[in-house]
Amino acid sequence: MGRGKIVIQRIDNSTNRQVTFSKRRSGLLKKAKELAILCDAEVGVIIFSSTGKLYEFSNTRFESLFPVYKVQIEFRSNLVLHGIKFKEGSKNSIKIGLVYFLTIIITCIGE
């Protein structure tokens, strides 16, 4: 017999809400650590509680993750800006993105 499904909504009871937050936070951080170890991925997780307390995990320095994140966001927004739809994992979008990236490089070299 499996676990029953729960409705995802705010928990009204503050004690139950805090217990759920604590359990889910530790589960999320555990999964992030496992993902980093098993897949050799760079993982960073930042969690703020309702009281403003910070919880974090990173298998590398957070400072090294932010520039990579910023480049990815700028790259995707440039694709969208030029009317190119980006779908995660799509071979065509990766090819289109590469062509767009090379076009930018060629344009910069030509200037």
C-alpha atoms as a PDB file:
ATOM      1  CA  MET A   1       0.000   0.000   0.000  1.00  0.00           C
ATOM      2  CA  GLY A   2       1.464   3.345  -1.089  1.00  0.00           C
ATOM      3  CA  ARG A   3       1.265   6.771   0.395  1.00  0.00           C
ATOM      4  CA  GLY A   4      -1.772   8.893  -0.287  1.00  0.00           C
ATOM      5  CA  LYS A   5      -1.594  12.014  -2.403  1.00  0.00           C
ATOM      6  CA  ILE A   6      -1.676  15.342  -0.628  1.00  0.00           C
ATOM      7  CA  VAL A   7      -3.120  18.598  -1.816  1.00  0.00           C
ATOM      8  CA  ILE A   8      -0.353  21.145  -2.373  1.00  0.00           C
ATOM      9  CA  GLN A   9      -1.498  24.201  -0.468  1.00  0.00           C
ATOM     10  CA  ARG A  10      -0.296  26.261   2.472  1.00  0.00           C
ATOM     11  CA  ILE A  11      -0.376  24.426   5.798  1.00  0.00           C
ATOM     12  CA  ASP A  12      -2.404  26.490   8.253  1.00  0.00           C
ATOM     13  CA  ASN A  13      -1.047  25.003  11.489  1.00  0.00           C
ATOM     14  CA  SER A  14       2.304  26.712  12.154  1.00  0.00           C
ATOM     15  CA  THR A  15       3.787  23.721  14.008  1.00  0.00           C
ATOM     16  CA  ASN A  16       2.898  21.297  11.211  1.00  0.00           C
ATOM     17  CA  ARG A  17       4.154  23.800   8.650  1.00  0.00           C
ATOM     18  CA  GLN A  18       7.532  24.090  10.413  1.00  0.00           C
ATOM     19  CA  VAL A  19       7.892  20.304  10.727  1.00  0.00           C
ATOM     20  CA  THR A  20       7.039  19.850   7.037  1.00  0.00           C
ATOM     21  CA  PHE A  21       9.490  22.590   6.051  1.00  0.00           C
ATOM     22  CA  SER A  22      12.268  20.985   8.070  1.00  0.00           C
ATOM     23  CA  LYS A  23      11.677  17.506   6.627  1.00  0.00           C
ATOM     24  CA  ARG A  24      11.326  18.682   3.034  1.00  0.00           C
ATOM     25  CA  ARG A  25      14.331  20.982   3.345  1.00  0.00           C
ATOM     26  CA  SER A  26      16.547  18.160   4.538  1.00  0.00           C
ATOM     27  CA  GLY A  27      15.175  15.887   1.787  1.00  0.00           C
ATOM     28  CA  LEU A  28      15.837  18.500  -0.881  1.00  0.00           C
ATOM     29  CA  LEU A  29      19.387  19.125   0.319  1.00  0.00           C
ATOM     30  CA  LYS A  30      20.020  15.362   0.455  1.00  0.00           C
ATOM     31  CA  LYS A  31      18.811  14.958  -3.147  1.00  0.00           C
ATOM     32  CA  ALA A  32      21.008  17.878  -4.258  1.00  0.00           C
ATOM     33  CA  LYS A  33      24.047  16.234  -2.661  1.00  0.00           C
ATOM     34  CA  GLU A  34      23.216  12.875  -4.262  1.00  0.00           C
ATOM     35  CA  LEU A  35      22.785  14.520  -7.680  1.00  0.00           C
ATOM     36  CA  ALA A  36      26.169  16.213  -7.347  1.00  0.00           C
ATOM     37  CA  ILE A  37      27.909  12.969  -6.392  1.00  0.00           C
ATOM     38  CA  LEU A  38      26.170  10.568  -8.776  1.00  0.00           C
ATOM     39  CA  CYS A  39      26.155  12.763 -11.877  1.00  0.00           C
ATOM     40  CA  ASP A  40      29.264  14.878 -11.264  1.00  0.00           C
ATOM     41  CA  ALA A  41      27.056  17.962 -11.642  1.00  0.00           C
ATOM     42  CA  GLU A  42      27.602  21.425 -10.251  1.00  0.00           C
ATOM     43  CA  VAL A  43      24.707  21.901  -7.857  1.00  0.00           C
ATOM     44  CA  GLY A  44      23.717  24.891  -5.779  1.00  0.00           C
ATOM     45  CA  VAL A  45      20.572  25.182  -3.648  1.00  0.00           C
ATOM     46  CA  ILE A  46      19.522  28.222  -1.626  1.00  0.00           C
ATOM     47  CA  ILE A  47      16.510  28.052   0.700  1.00  0.00           C
ATOM     48  CA  PHE A  48      15.078  30.847   2.826  1.00  0.00           C
ATOM     49  CA  SER A  49      12.658  29.923   5.583  1.00  0.00           C
ATOM     50  CA  SER A  50       9.577  32.006   6.352  1.00  0.00           C
ATOM     51  CA  THR A  51      11.571  33.583   9.196  1.00  0.00           C
ATOM     52  CA  GLY A  52      14.345  34.560   6.783  1.00  0.00           C
ATOM     53  CA  LYS A  53      16.880  31.961   7.891  1.00  0.00           C
ATOM     54  CA  LEU A  54      19.234  30.821   5.120  1.00  0.00           C
ATOM     55  CA  TYR A  55      19.948  27.177   4.295  1.00  0.00           C
ATOM     56  CA  GLU A  56      22.295  26.303   1.460  1.00  0.00           C
ATOM     57  CA  PHE A  57      24.167  23.537  -0.284  1.00  0.00           C
ATOM     58  CA  SER A  58      26.777  23.712  -2.992  1.00  0.00           C
ATOM     59  CA  ASN A  59      29.327  21.170  -4.112  1.00  0.00           C
ATOM     60  CA  THR A  60      31.416  24.025  -5.542  1.00  0.00           C
ATOM     61  CA  ARG A  61      31.737  27.632  -4.523  1.00  0.00           C
ATOM     62  CA  PHE A  62      28.527  29.588  -5.103  1.00  0.00           C
ATOM     63  CA  GLU A  63      30.583  32.409  -6.590  1.00  0.00           C
ATOM     64  CA  SER A  64      31.621  30.106  -9.442  1.00  0.00           C
ATOM     65  CA  LEU A  65      28.022  29.045 -10.171  1.00  0.00           C
ATOM     66  CA  PHE A  66      26.520  32.514 -10.634  1.00  0.00           C
ATOM     67  CA  PRO A  67      28.530  33.589 -13.719  1.00  0.00           C
ATOM     68  CA  VAL A  68      27.624  30.313 -15.473  1.00  0.00           C
ATOM     69  CA  TYR A  69      23.954  30.816 -14.547  1.00  0.00           C
ATOM     70  CA  LYS A  70      24.028  34.417 -15.773  1.00  0.00           C
ATOM     71  CA  VAL A  71      25.521  33.416 -19.143  1.00  0.00           C
ATOM     72  CA  GLN A  72      22.866  30.709 -19.605  1.00  0.00           C
ATOM     73  CA  ILE A  73      20.027  33.115 -18.798  1.00  0.00           C
ATOM     74  CA  GLU A  74      21.401  35.795 -21.153  1.00  0.00           C
ATOM     75  CA  PHE A  75      21.876  33.213 -23.913  1.00  0.00           C
ATOM     76  CA  ARG A  76      18.285  31.968 -23.602  1.00  0.00           C
ATOM     77  CA  SER A  77      16.829  35.473 -23.434  1.00  0.00           C
ATOM     78  CA  ASN A  78      18.777  36.413 -26.589  1.00  0.00           C
ATOM     79  CA  LEU A  79      17.343  33.383 -28.369  1.00  0.00           C
ATOM     80  CA  VAL A  80      13.818  34.382 -27.354  1.00  0.00           C
ATOM     81  CA  LEU A  81      14.528  37.996 -28.312  1.00  0.00           C
ATOM     82  CA  HIS A  82      15.393  36.860 -31.833  1.00  0.00           C
ATOM     83  CA  GLY A  83      12.272  34.703 -32.114  1.00  0.00           C
ATOM     84  CA  ILE A  84      14.000  31.379 -31.482  1.00  0.00           C
ATOM     85  CA  LYS A  85      12.033  29.085 -29.205  1.00  0.00           C
ATOM     86  CA  PHE A  86      14.212  27.227 -26.728  1.00  0.00           C
ATOM     87  CA  LYS A  87      13.120  23.815 -25.532  1.00  0.00           C
ATOM     88  CA  GLU A  88      15.372  22.145 -22.986  1.00  0.00           C
ATOM     89  CA  GLY A  89      17.122  19.123 -24.468  1.00  0.00           C
ATOM     90  CA  SER A  90      15.904  19.667 -28.018  1.00  0.00           C
ATOM     91  CA  LYS A  91      18.598  18.893 -30.597  1.00  0.00           C
ATOM     92  CA  ASN A  92      17.204  21.464 -33.027  1.00  0.00           C
ATOM     93  CA  SER A  93      17.222  24.249 -30.454  1.00  0.00           C
ATOM     94  CA  ILE A  94      20.798  23.379 -29.520  1.00  0.00           C
ATOM     95  CA  LYS A  95      21.808  23.551 -33.195  1.00  0.00           C
ATOM     96  CA  ILE A  96      19.918  26.828 -33.651  1.00  0.00           C
ATOM     97  CA  GLY A  97      21.534  28.188 -30.501  1.00  0.00           C
ATOM     98  CA  LEU A  98      24.977  27.191 -31.743  1.00  0.00           C
ATOM     99  CA  VAL A  99      24.347  28.857 -35.108  1.00  0.00           C
ATOM    100  CA  TYR A 100      23.137  31.992 -33.300  1.00  0.00           C
ATOM    101  CA  PHE A 101      26.201  31.943 -31.038  1.00  0.00           C
ATOM    102  CA  LEU A 102      28.553  31.567 -34.010  1.00  0.00           C
ATOM    103  CA  THR A 103      26.735  34.398 -35.794  1.00  0.00           C
ATOM    104  CA  ILE A 104      27.385  36.666 -32.813  1.00  0.00           C
ATOM    105  CA  ILE A 105      31.069  35.712 -32.801  1.00  0.00           C
ATOM    106  CA  ILE A 106      31.400  36.322 -36.555  1.00  0.00           C
ATOM    107  CA  THR A 107      29.607  39.656 -36.203  1.00  0.00           C
ATOM    108  CA  CYS A 108      31.928  40.701 -33.363  1.00  0.00           C
ATOM    109  CA  ILE A 109      35.007  39.700 -35.348  1.00  0.00           C
ATOM    110  CA  GLY A 110      33.763  41.654 -38.359  1.00  0.00           C
ATOM    111  CA  GLU A 111      33.278  44.860 -36.369  1.00  0.00           C
END
